[in-house]
PDB file of N, CA and C in Angstrom:
ATOM      1  N   MET A   1      21.270  -9.682  11.500  1.00  0.00           N
ATOM      2  CA  MET A   1      20.621  -8.471  10.674  1.00  0.00           C
ATOM      3  C   MET A   1      20.888  -7.190  11.419  1.00  0.00           C
ATOM      4  N   SER A   2      21.604  -6.281  10.836  1.00  0.00           N
ATOM      5  CA  SER A   2      22.008  -5.067  11.589  1.00  0.00           C
ATOM      6  C   SER A   2      21.069  -3.986  11.251  1.00  0.00           C
ATOM      7  N   ASN A   3      20.441  -3.999  10.173  1.00  0.00           N
ATOM      8  CA  ASN A   3      19.573  -2.783   9.728  1.00  0.00           C
ATOM      9  C   ASN A   3      18.073  -3.281   9.949  1.00  0.00           C
ATOM     10  N   VAL A   4      17.345  -2.142  10.451  1.00  0.00           N
ATOM     11  CA  VAL A   4      15.870  -2.543  10.489  1.00  0.00           C
ATOM     12  C   VAL A   4      15.240  -2.139   9.191  1.00  0.00           C
ATOM     13  N   LEU A   5      14.392  -2.943   8.667  1.00  0.00           N
ATOM     14  CA  LEU A   5      13.631  -2.810   7.420  1.00  0.00           C
ATOM     15  C   LEU A   5      12.455  -1.973   7.797  1.00  0.00           C
ATOM     16  N   LYS A   6      12.313  -0.822   6.995  1.00  0.00           N
ATOM     17  CA  LYS A   6      11.143   0.058   7.108  1.00  0.00           C
ATOM     18  C   LYS A   6      10.353  -0.321   5.838  1.00  0.00           C
ATOM     19  N   ALA A   7       9.181  -0.829   6.286  1.00  0.00           N
ATOM     20  CA  ALA A   7       8.216  -1.282   5.058  1.00  0.00           C
ATOM     21  C   ALA A   7       6.878  -0.647   5.264  1.00  0.00           C
ATOM     22  N   ALA A   8       5.942  -0.605   4.329  1.00  0.00           N
ATOM     23  CA  ALA A   8       4.659  -0.216   4.401  1.00  0.00           C
ATOM     24  C   ALA A   8       3.788  -1.192   3.684  1.00  0.00           C
ATOM     25  N   PHE A   9       2.423  -1.268   4.354  1.00  0.00           N
ATOM     26  CA  PHE A   9       1.429  -1.996   3.870  1.00  0.00           C
ATOM     27  C   PHE A   9       0.370  -0.961   3.532  1.00  0.00           C
ATOM     28  N   ILE A  10      -0.033  -0.886   2.219  1.00  0.00           N
ATOM     29  CA  ILE A  10      -1.057   0.200   1.885  1.00  0.00           C
ATOM     30  C   ILE A  10      -2.353  -0.750   1.479  1.00  0.00           C
ATOM     31  N   PHE A  11      -3.376  -0.361   2.134  1.00  0.00           N
ATOM     32  CA  PHE A  11      -4.674  -1.022   1.831  1.00  0.00           C
ATOM     33  C   PHE A  11      -5.629   0.018   1.412  1.00  0.00           C
ATOM     34  N   ILE A  12      -6.539  -0.560   0.483  1.00  0.00           N
ATOM     35  CA  ILE A  12      -7.504   0.369  -0.098  1.00  0.00           C
ATOM     36  C   ILE A  12      -8.819  -0.040   0.473  1.00  0.00           C
ATOM     37  N   ALA A  13      -9.641   1.155   0.817  1.00  0.00           N
ATOM     38  CA  ALA A  13     -10.905   1.015   1.424  1.00  0.00           C
ATOM     39  C   ALA A  13     -11.755   2.236   1.164  1.00  0.00           C
ATOM     40  N   PRO A  14     -13.045   2.071   1.074  1.00  0.00           N
ATOM     41  CA  PRO A  14     -13.772   3.328   0.943  1.00  0.00           C
ATOM     42  C   PRO A  14     -13.689   4.254   2.105  1.00  0.00           C
ATOM     43  N   ASN A  15     -13.452   5.541   1.563  1.00  0.00           N
ATOM     44  CA  ASN A  15     -13.039   6.614   2.559  1.00  0.00           C
ATOM     45  C   ASN A  15     -11.806   6.381   3.355  1.00  0.00           C
ATOM     46  N   GLY A  16     -11.042   5.562   2.878  1.00  0.00           N
ATOM     47  CA  GLY A  16      -9.643   5.498   3.558  1.00  0.00           C
ATOM     48  C   GLY A  16      -9.040   6.875   3.441  1.00  0.00           C
ATOM     49  N   ASN A  17      -8.494   7.285   4.688  1.00  0.00           N
ATOM     50  CA  ASN A  17      -7.694   8.488   4.800  1.00  0.00           C
ATOM     51  C   ASN A  17      -6.406   8.302   5.376  1.00  0.00           C
ATOM     52  N   PRO A  18      -5.494   8.420   4.517  1.00  0.00           N
ATOM     53  CA  PRO A  18      -4.039   8.154   4.869  1.00  0.00           C
ATOM     54  C   PRO A  18      -3.459   9.091   6.094  1.00  0.00           C
ATOM     55  N   ASP A  19      -3.985  10.188   6.301  1.00  0.00           N
ATOM     56  CA  ASP A  19      -3.668  11.059   7.382  1.00  0.00           C
ATOM     57  C   ASP A  19      -4.202  10.416   8.680  1.00  0.00           C
ATOM     58  N   GLU A  20      -5.383   9.882   8.684  1.00  0.00           N
ATOM     59  CA  GLU A  20      -6.046   9.423   9.865  1.00  0.00           C
ATOM     60  C   GLU A  20      -5.845   7.927  10.086  1.00  0.00           C
ATOM     61  N   HIS A  21      -5.867   7.093   9.047  1.00  0.00           N
ATOM     62  CA  HIS A  21      -5.911   5.583   9.094  1.00  0.00           C
ATOM     63  C   HIS A  21      -4.482   5.130   8.771  1.00  0.00           C
ATOM     64  N   ARG A  22      -3.668   5.169   9.822  1.00  0.00           N
ATOM     65  CA  ARG A  22      -2.381   4.700   9.859  1.00  0.00           C
ATOM     66  C   ARG A  22      -1.786   4.286  11.081  1.00  0.00           C
ATOM     67  N   SER A  23      -1.099   3.353  11.084  1.00  0.00           N
ATOM     68  CA  SER A  23      -0.366   2.853  12.416  1.00  0.00           C
ATOM     69  C   SER A  23       0.892   2.085  12.100  1.00  0.00           C
ATOM     70  N   TRP A  24       1.695   2.195  13.093  1.00  0.00           N
ATOM     71  CA  TRP A  24       3.073   1.438  13.054  1.00  0.00           C
ATOM     72  C   TRP A  24       2.962   0.153  13.888  1.00  0.00           C
ATOM     73  N   VAL A  25       3.821  -0.879  13.462  1.00  0.00           N
ATOM     74  CA  VAL A  25       4.119  -1.964  14.332  1.00  0.00           C
ATOM     75  C   VAL A  25       5.550  -2.173  14.140  1.00  0.00           C
ATOM     76  N   ARG A  26       6.262  -2.039  15.407  1.00  0.00           N
ATOM     77  CA  ARG A  26       7.881  -2.169  15.307  1.00  0.00           C
ATOM     78  C   ARG A  26       8.329  -3.331  16.069  1.00  0.00           C
ATOM     79  N   THR A  27       9.138  -4.005  15.412  1.00  0.00           N
ATOM     80  CA  THR A  27       9.953  -5.166  15.973  1.00  0.00           C
ATOM     81  C   THR A  27      11.394  -4.828  15.861  1.00  0.00           C
ATOM     82  N   GLU A  28      12.180  -5.665  16.331  1.00  0.00           N
ATOM     83  CA  GLU A  28      13.709  -5.466  16.237  1.00  0.00           C
ATOM     84  C   GLU A  28      14.136  -5.457  14.870  1.00  0.00           C
ATOM     85  N   ALA A  29      13.553  -6.228  13.917  1.00  0.00           N
ATOM     86  CA  ALA A  29      14.013  -6.404  12.622  1.00  0.00           C
ATOM     87  C   ALA A  29      13.163  -5.631  11.538  1.00  0.00           C
ATOM     88  N   VAL A  30      11.871  -5.534  11.841  1.00  0.00           N
ATOM     89  CA  VAL A  30      10.982  -4.754  10.888  1.00  0.00           C
ATOM     90  C   VAL A  30      10.128  -3.640  11.497  1.00  0.00           C
ATOM     91  N   GLU A  31      10.041  -2.501  10.944  1.00  0.00           N
ATOM     92  CA  GLU A  31       8.996  -1.533  11.374  1.00  0.00           C
ATOM     93  C   GLU A  31       8.009  -1.488  10.150  1.00  0.00           C
ATOM     94  N   LEU A  32       6.771  -1.768  10.461  1.00  0.00           N
ATOM     95  CA  LEU A  32       5.833  -1.747   9.400  1.00  0.00           C
ATOM     96  C   LEU A  32       4.755  -0.636   9.622  1.00  0.00           C
ATOM     97  N   LEU A  33       4.694   0.126   8.762  1.00  0.00           N
ATOM     98  CA  LEU A  33       3.568   1.243   8.696  1.00  0.00           C
ATOM     99  C   LEU A  33       2.427   0.842   7.865  1.00  0.00           C
ATOM    100  N   THR A  34       1.219   0.733   8.366  1.00  0.00           N
ATOM    101  CA  THR A  34      -0.029   0.412   7.686  1.00  0.00           C
ATOM    102  C   THR A  34      -0.791   1.635   7.481  1.00  0.00           C
ATOM    103  N   VAL A  35      -1.094   1.785   6.071  1.00  0.00           N
ATOM    104  CA  VAL A  35      -1.745   3.047   5.621  1.00  0.00           C
ATOM    105  C   VAL A  35      -3.109   2.660   4.745  1.00  0.00           C
ATOM    106  N   ALA A  36      -4.232   3.508   5.087  1.00  0.00           N
ATOM    107  CA  ALA A  36      -5.337   3.263   4.286  1.00  0.00           C
ATOM    108  C   ALA A  36      -5.338   4.392   3.224  1.00  0.00           C
ATOM    109  N   VAL A  37      -5.870   3.953   1.972  1.00  0.00           N
ATOM    110  CA  VAL A  37      -6.090   4.924   0.912  1.00  0.00           C
ATOM    111  C   VAL A  37      -7.472   4.693   0.349  1.00  0.00           C
ATOM    112  N   SER A  38      -8.065   5.756  -0.390  1.00  0.00           N
ATOM    113  CA  SER A  38      -9.392   5.476  -0.794  1.00  0.00           C
ATOM    114  C   SER A  38      -9.351   5.121  -2.454  1.00  0.00           C
ATOM    115  N   ASP A  39      -8.304   5.279  -3.059  1.00  0.00           N
ATOM    116  CA  ASP A  39      -8.248   4.882  -4.536  1.00  0.00           C
ATOM    117  C   ASP A  39      -6.851   4.904  -5.064  1.00  0.00           C
ATOM    118  N   TYR A  40      -6.668   4.556  -6.372  1.00  0.00           N
ATOM    119  CA  TYR A  40      -5.335   4.386  -6.813  1.00  0.00           C
ATOM    120  C   TYR A  40      -4.538   5.501  -6.854  1.00  0.00           C
ATOM    121  N   ALA A  41      -5.171   6.707  -7.155  1.00  0.00           N
ATOM    122  CA  ALA A  41      -4.419   8.026  -7.321  1.00  0.00           C
ATOM    123  C   ALA A  41      -3.886   8.412  -5.854  1.00  0.00           C
ATOM    124  N   GLN A  42      -4.701   8.243  -4.826  1.00  0.00           N
ATOM    125  CA  GLN A  42      -4.114   8.479  -3.604  1.00  0.00           C
ATOM    126  C   GLN A  42      -3.037   7.499  -3.217  1.00  0.00           C
ATOM    127  N   ALA A  43      -3.220   6.225  -3.586  1.00  0.00           N
ATOM    128  CA  ALA A  43      -2.036   5.237  -3.323  1.00  0.00           C
ATOM    129  C   ALA A  43      -0.753   5.748  -3.899  1.00  0.00           C
ATOM    130  N   GLU A  44      -0.750   6.123  -5.131  1.00  0.00           N
ATOM    131  CA  GLU A  44       0.336   6.599  -5.859  1.00  0.00           C
ATOM    132  C   GLU A  44       1.160   7.697  -5.111  1.00  0.00           C
ATOM    133  N   LYS A  45       0.295   8.734  -4.545  1.00  0.00           N
ATOM    134  CA  LYS A  45       0.737   9.882  -3.912  1.00  0.00           C
ATOM    135  C   LYS A  45       1.352   9.358  -2.598  1.00  0.00           C
ATOM    136  N   VAL A  46       0.723   8.471  -1.838  1.00  0.00           N
ATOM    137  CA  VAL A  46       1.071   8.165  -0.557  1.00  0.00           C
ATOM    138  C   VAL A  46       2.337   7.271  -0.606  1.00  0.00           C
ATOM    139  N   ALA A  47       2.467   6.455  -1.512  1.00  0.00           N
ATOM    140  CA  ALA A  47       3.673   5.652  -1.893  1.00  0.00           C
ATOM    141  C   ALA A  47       4.789   6.508  -1.987  1.00  0.00           C
ATOM    142  N   ARG A  48       4.717   7.431  -2.912  1.00  0.00           N
ATOM    143  CA  ARG A  48       5.962   8.374  -3.107  1.00  0.00           C
ATOM    144  C   ARG A  48       6.174   9.088  -1.861  1.00  0.00           C
ATOM    145  N   SER A  49       5.308   9.542  -1.204  1.00  0.00           N
ATOM    146  CA  SER A  49       5.723  10.342   0.113  1.00  0.00           C
ATOM    147  C   SER A  49       6.282   9.295   1.172  1.00  0.00           C
ATOM    148  N   LEU A  50       5.816   8.197   1.293  1.00  0.00           N
ATOM    149  CA  LEU A  50       6.344   6.995   2.263  1.00  0.00           C
ATOM    150  C   LEU A  50       7.959   6.885   1.927  1.00  0.00           C
ATOM    151  N   VAL A  51       8.153   6.614   0.663  1.00  0.00           N
ATOM    152  CA  VAL A  51       9.623   6.492   0.326  1.00  0.00           C
ATOM    153  C   VAL A  51      10.453   7.687   0.451  1.00  0.00           C
ATOM    154  N   GLU A  52       9.877   8.819   0.140  1.00  0.00           N
ATOM    155  CA  GLU A  52      10.678  10.141   0.176  1.00  0.00           C
ATOM    156  C   GLU A  52      10.734  10.608   1.687  1.00  0.00           C
ATOM    157  N   ASN A  53       9.678  10.474   2.411  1.00  0.00           N
ATOM    158  CA  ASN A  53       9.654  11.233   3.767  1.00  0.00           C
ATOM    159  C   ASN A  53       9.807  10.316   5.044  1.00  0.00           C
ATOM    160  N   GLU A  54       9.508   8.912   4.788  1.00  0.00           N
ATOM    161  CA  GLU A  54       9.583   8.113   5.909  1.00  0.00           C
ATOM    162  C   GLU A  54      10.574   6.923   5.813  1.00  0.00           C
ATOM    163  N   ASN A  55      11.374   7.005   4.697  1.00  0.00           N
ATOM    164  CA  ASN A  55      12.464   6.064   4.316  1.00  0.00           C
ATOM    165  C   ASN A  55      12.005   4.707   4.183  1.00  0.00           C
ATOM    166  N   ILE A  56      10.814   4.459   3.692  1.00  0.00           N
ATOM    167  CA  ILE A  56      10.138   3.148   3.408  1.00  0.00           C
ATOM    168  C   ILE A  56      10.951   2.462   2.198  1.00  0.00           C
ATOM    169  N   ALA A  57      11.434   1.245   2.522  1.00  0.00           N
ATOM    170  CA  ALA A  57      12.321   0.562   1.665  1.00  0.00           C
ATOM    171  C   ALA A  57      11.605  -0.556   0.853  1.00  0.00           C
ATOM    172  N   ALA A  58      10.259  -0.819   1.218  1.00  0.00           N
ATOM    173  CA  ALA A  58       9.554  -1.897   0.545  1.00  0.00           C
ATOM    174  C   ALA A  58       8.111  -1.607   0.871  1.00  0.00           C
ATOM    175  N   ILE A  59       7.306  -1.925  -0.200  1.00  0.00           N
ATOM    176  CA  ILE A  59       5.848  -1.656  -0.081  1.00  0.00           C
ATOM    177  C   ILE A  59       5.065  -2.916  -0.404  1.00  0.00           C
ATOM    178  N   GLU A  60       4.014  -3.297   0.440  1.00  0.00           N
ATOM    179  CA  GLU A  60       3.201  -4.265  -0.004  1.00  0.00           C
ATOM    180  C   GLU A  60       1.648  -3.764  -0.081  1.00  0.00           C
ATOM    181  N   LEU A  61       0.997  -4.226  -1.099  1.00  0.00           N
ATOM    182  CA  LEU A  61      -0.275  -3.652  -1.354  1.00  0.00           C
ATOM    183  C   LEU A  61      -1.376  -4.780  -1.020  1.00  0.00           C
ATOM    184  N   CYS A  62      -2.451  -4.434  -0.508  1.00  0.00           N
ATOM    185  CA  CYS A  62      -3.544  -5.260  -0.196  1.00  0.00           C
ATOM    186  C   CYS A  62      -4.257  -5.916  -1.484  1.00  0.00           C
ATOM    187  N   GLY A  63      -4.965  -6.907  -1.273  1.00  0.00           N
ATOM    188  CA  GLY A  63      -5.557  -7.678  -2.419  1.00  0.00           C
ATOM    189  C   GLY A  63      -6.514  -6.850  -3.142  1.00  0.00           C
ATOM    190  N   GLY A  64      -6.934  -5.652  -2.473  1.00  0.00           N
ATOM    191  CA  GLY A  64      -7.947  -4.867  -3.374  1.00  0.00           C
ATOM    192  C   GLY A  64      -7.310  -4.107  -4.461  1.00  0.00           C
ATOM    193  N   PHE A  65      -5.979  -4.086  -4.551  1.00  0.00           N
ATOM    194  CA  PHE A  65      -5.228  -3.496  -5.831  1.00  0.00           C
ATOM    195  C   PHE A  65      -5.241  -4.712  -6.792  1.00  0.00           C
ATOM    196  N   GLY A  66      -5.935  -4.324  -8.007  1.00  0.00           N
ATOM    197  CA  GLY A  66      -5.718  -5.204  -9.037  1.00  0.00           C
ATOM    198  C   GLY A  66      -4.392  -4.979  -9.747  1.00  0.00           C
ATOM    199  N   ALA A  67      -4.207  -5.619 -11.077  1.00  0.00           N
ATOM    200  CA  ALA A  67      -2.988  -5.582 -11.657  1.00  0.00           C
ATOM    201  C   ALA A  67      -2.847  -4.114 -12.169  1.00  0.00           C
ATOM    202  N   THR A  68      -3.805  -3.326 -12.463  1.00  0.00           N
ATOM    203  CA  THR A  68      -3.568  -1.891 -12.844  1.00  0.00           C
ATOM    204  C   THR A  68      -3.197  -1.039 -11.739  1.00  0.00           C
ATOM    205  N   GLY A  69      -3.857  -1.312 -10.508  1.00  0.00           N
ATOM    206  CA  GLY A  69      -3.439  -0.477  -9.230  1.00  0.00           C
ATOM    207  C   GLY A  69      -1.942  -0.864  -8.871  1.00  0.00           C
ATOM    208  N   THR A  70      -1.659  -2.084  -8.931  1.00  0.00           N
ATOM    209  CA  THR A  70      -0.328  -2.541  -8.578  1.00  0.00           C
ATOM    210  C   THR A  70       0.711  -1.839  -9.434  1.00  0.00           C
ATOM    211  N   ALA A  71       0.453  -1.691 -10.717  1.00  0.00           N
ATOM    212  CA  ALA A  71       1.291  -1.171 -11.657  1.00  0.00           C
ATOM    213  C   ALA A  71       1.458   0.364 -11.482  1.00  0.00           C
ATOM    214  N   VAL A  72       0.360   1.051 -11.033  1.00  0.00           N
ATOM    215  CA  VAL A  72       0.418   2.429 -10.762  1.00  0.00           C
ATOM    216  C   VAL A  72       1.407   2.773  -9.770  1.00  0.00           C
ATOM    217  N   VAL A  73       1.243   2.011  -8.595  1.00  0.00           N
ATOM    218  CA  VAL A  73       2.107   2.199  -7.482  1.00  0.00           C
ATOM    219  C   VAL A  73       3.581   1.743  -7.780  1.00  0.00           C
ATOM    220  N   ALA A  74       3.780   0.649  -8.307  1.00  0.00           N
ATOM    221  CA  ALA A  74       5.093   0.073  -8.685  1.00  0.00           C
ATOM    222  C   ALA A  74       5.869   1.052  -9.624  1.00  0.00           C
ATOM    223  N   GLU A  75       5.140   1.785 -10.475  1.00  0.00           N
ATOM    224  CA  GLU A  75       5.902   2.730 -11.361  1.00  0.00           C
ATOM    225  C   GLU A  75       6.135   4.031 -10.669  1.00  0.00           C
ATOM    226  N   ALA A  76       5.516   4.364  -9.559  1.00  0.00           N
ATOM    227  CA  ALA A  76       5.572   5.562  -8.849  1.00  0.00           C
ATOM    228  C   ALA A  76       6.887   5.650  -7.913  1.00  0.00           C
ATOM    229  N   VAL A  77       7.464   4.407  -7.505  1.00  0.00           N
ATOM    230  CA  VAL A  77       8.412   4.435  -6.580  1.00  0.00           C
ATOM    231  C   VAL A  77       9.689   3.586  -7.065  1.00  0.00           C
ATOM    232  N   GLU A  78      10.802   3.744  -6.488  1.00  0.00           N
ATOM    233  CA  GLU A  78      11.901   2.869  -6.802  1.00  0.00           C
ATOM    234  C   GLU A  78      12.388   1.921  -5.784  1.00  0.00           C
ATOM    235  N   VAL A  79      11.326   1.373  -5.055  1.00  0.00           N
ATOM    236  CA  VAL A  79      11.514   0.293  -4.025  1.00  0.00           C
ATOM    237  C   VAL A  79      10.732  -0.946  -4.455  1.00  0.00           C
ATOM    238  N   PRO A  80      11.057  -2.032  -3.964  1.00  0.00           N
ATOM    239  CA  PRO A  80      10.330  -3.198  -4.242  1.00  0.00           C
ATOM    240  C   PRO A  80       8.764  -3.060  -3.863  1.00  0.00           C
ATOM    241  N   VAL A  81       7.862  -3.443  -4.696  1.00  0.00           N
ATOM    242  CA  VAL A  81       6.465  -3.437  -4.379  1.00  0.00           C
ATOM    243  C   VAL A  81       5.924  -4.896  -4.549  1.00  0.00           C
ATOM    244  N   GLY A  82       5.325  -5.423  -3.550  1.00  0.00           N
ATOM    245  CA  GLY A  82       4.635  -6.662  -3.563  1.00  0.00           C
ATOM    246  C   GLY A  82       3.123  -6.515  -3.489  1.00  0.00           C
ATOM    247  N   VAL A  83       2.447  -7.663  -3.711  1.00  0.00           N
ATOM    248  CA  VAL A  83       0.996  -7.573  -3.471  1.00  0.00           C
ATOM    249  C   VAL A  83       0.442  -8.818  -2.967  1.00  0.00           C
ATOM    250  N   VAL A  84      -0.624  -8.689  -2.101  1.00  0.00           N
ATOM    251  CA  VAL A  84      -1.321  -9.910  -1.667  1.00  0.00           C
ATOM    252  C   VAL A  84      -2.519 -10.038  -2.806  1.00  0.00           C
ATOM    253  N   ARG A  85      -2.801 -11.172  -3.246  1.00  0.00           N
ATOM    254  CA  ARG A  85      -3.724 -11.374  -4.385  1.00  0.00           C
ATOM    255  C   ARG A  85      -4.956 -11.686  -3.930  1.00  0.00           C
ATOM    256  N   PHE A  86      -6.091 -10.991  -4.267  1.00  0.00           N
ATOM    257  CA  PHE A  86      -7.551 -11.391  -4.258  1.00  0.00           C
ATOM    258  C   PHE A  86      -7.965 -10.934  -5.576  1.00  0.00           C
ATOM    259  N   ASP A  87      -8.265 -11.716  -6.530  1.00  0.00           N
ATOM    260  CA  ASP A  87      -8.799 -11.147  -7.759  1.00  0.00           C
ATOM    261  C   ASP A  87     -10.254 -10.594  -7.632  1.00  0.00           C
ATOM    262  N   ILE A  88     -10.945 -11.257  -6.771  1.00  0.00           N
ATOM    263  CA  ILE A  88     -12.197 -10.638  -6.269  1.00  0.00           C
ATOM    264  C   ILE A  88     -12.090 -10.531  -4.749  1.00  0.00           C
ATOM    265  N   HIS A  89     -12.131  -9.263  -4.323  1.00  0.00           N
ATOM    266  CA  HIS A  89     -11.754  -8.906  -2.901  1.00  0.00           C
ATOM    267  C   HIS A  89     -12.943  -8.836  -2.040  1.00  0.00           C
ATOM    268  N   PRO A  90     -13.028  -9.531  -0.968  1.00  0.00           N
ATOM    269  CA  PRO A  90     -14.238  -9.637  -0.018  1.00  0.00           C
ATOM    270  C   PRO A  90     -14.662  -8.291   0.514  1.00  0.00           C
ATOM    271  N   GLY A  91     -13.551  -7.348   0.831  1.00  0.00           N
ATOM    272  CA  GLY A  91     -13.886  -6.134   1.303  1.00  0.00           C
ATOM    273  C   GLY A  91     -14.305  -4.923   0.325  1.00  0.00           C
ATOM    274  N   LEU A  92     -14.294  -5.280  -0.914  1.00  0.00           N
ATOM    275  CA  LEU A  92     -14.731  -4.512  -2.088  1.00  0.00           C
ATOM    276  C   LEU A  92     -15.883  -5.007  -2.807  1.00  0.00           C
ATOM    277  N   GLY A  93     -16.756  -5.790  -2.093  1.00  0.00           N
ATOM    278  CA  GLY A  93     -17.983  -6.264  -2.727  1.00  0.00           C
ATOM    279  C   GLY A  93     -17.715  -7.541  -3.687  1.00  0.00           C
ATOM    280  N   ASN A  94     -16.634  -8.183  -3.458  1.00  0.00           N
ATOM    281  CA  ASN A  94     -16.144  -9.321  -4.299  1.00  0.00           C
ATOM    282  C   ASN A  94     -15.958  -8.947  -5.802  1.00  0.00           C
ATOM    283  N   VAL A  95     -15.270  -7.754  -5.964  1.00  0.00           N
ATOM    284  CA  VAL A  95     -14.784  -7.317  -7.167  1.00  0.00           C
ATOM    285  C   VAL A  95     -13.335  -6.888  -7.141  1.00  0.00           C
ATOM    286  N   SER A  96     -12.599  -6.739  -8.193  1.00  0.00           N
ATOM    287  CA  SER A  96     -11.112  -6.255  -8.213  1.00  0.00           C
ATOM    288  C   SER A  96     -11.273  -4.780  -8.071  1.00  0.00           C
ATOM    289  N   GLY A  97     -10.295  -4.178  -7.368  1.00  0.00           N
ATOM    290  CA  GLY A  97     -10.054  -2.871  -7.350  1.00  0.00           C
ATOM    291  C   GLY A  97      -9.988  -2.240  -8.845  1.00  0.00           C
ATOM    292  N   ASP A  98      -9.498  -2.913  -9.680  1.00  0.00           N
ATOM    293  CA  ASP A  98      -9.395  -2.362 -11.083  1.00  0.00           C
ATOM    294  C   ASP A  98     -10.738  -2.005 -11.640  1.00  0.00           C
ATOM    295  N   LYS A  99     -11.864  -2.673 -11.193  1.00  0.00           N
ATOM    296  CA  LYS A  99     -13.149  -2.251 -11.690  1.00  0.00           C
ATOM    297  C   LYS A  99     -13.671  -1.018 -10.939  1.00  0.00           C
ATOM    298  N   LEU A 100     -13.220  -0.746  -9.826  1.00  0.00           N
ATOM    299  CA  LEU A 100     -13.617   0.216  -9.004  1.00  0.00           C
ATOM    300  C   LEU A 100     -12.831   1.545  -9.047  1.00  0.00           C
ATOM    301  N   PHE A 101     -11.585   1.449  -9.344  1.00  0.00           N
ATOM    302  CA  PHE A 101     -10.719   2.610  -9.140  1.00  0.00           C
ATOM    303  C   PHE A 101      -9.979   3.065 -10.250  1.00  0.00           C
ATOM    304  N   LYS A 102     -10.293   2.457 -11.523  1.00  0.00           N
ATOM    305  CA  LYS A 102      -9.624   2.852 -12.706  1.00  0.00           C
ATOM    306  C   LYS A 102      -9.682   4.291 -13.115  1.00  0.00           C
TER     307      LYS A 102
END
């Protein structure tokens, strides 16, 4: 493997601030940027920025993103978007982000 994959993991949390709540993990093969957002609209904006400004080539979303939130992000960028699945997320009061962030 000659090229390093630059990927992002976006998680949704109350009061998530993507300017403050972010960190990199770098290995020889993958550089992963973890970023917190507070809602779907912010996730869409952050995803676009990461692809355009950080050369992110793949995005994974936390389980707090329901089907609607995943679609919002996937439609915003032209890189692969995956998702960890929790239909009821323990960090969001055991409900889907779709109920909280529509």
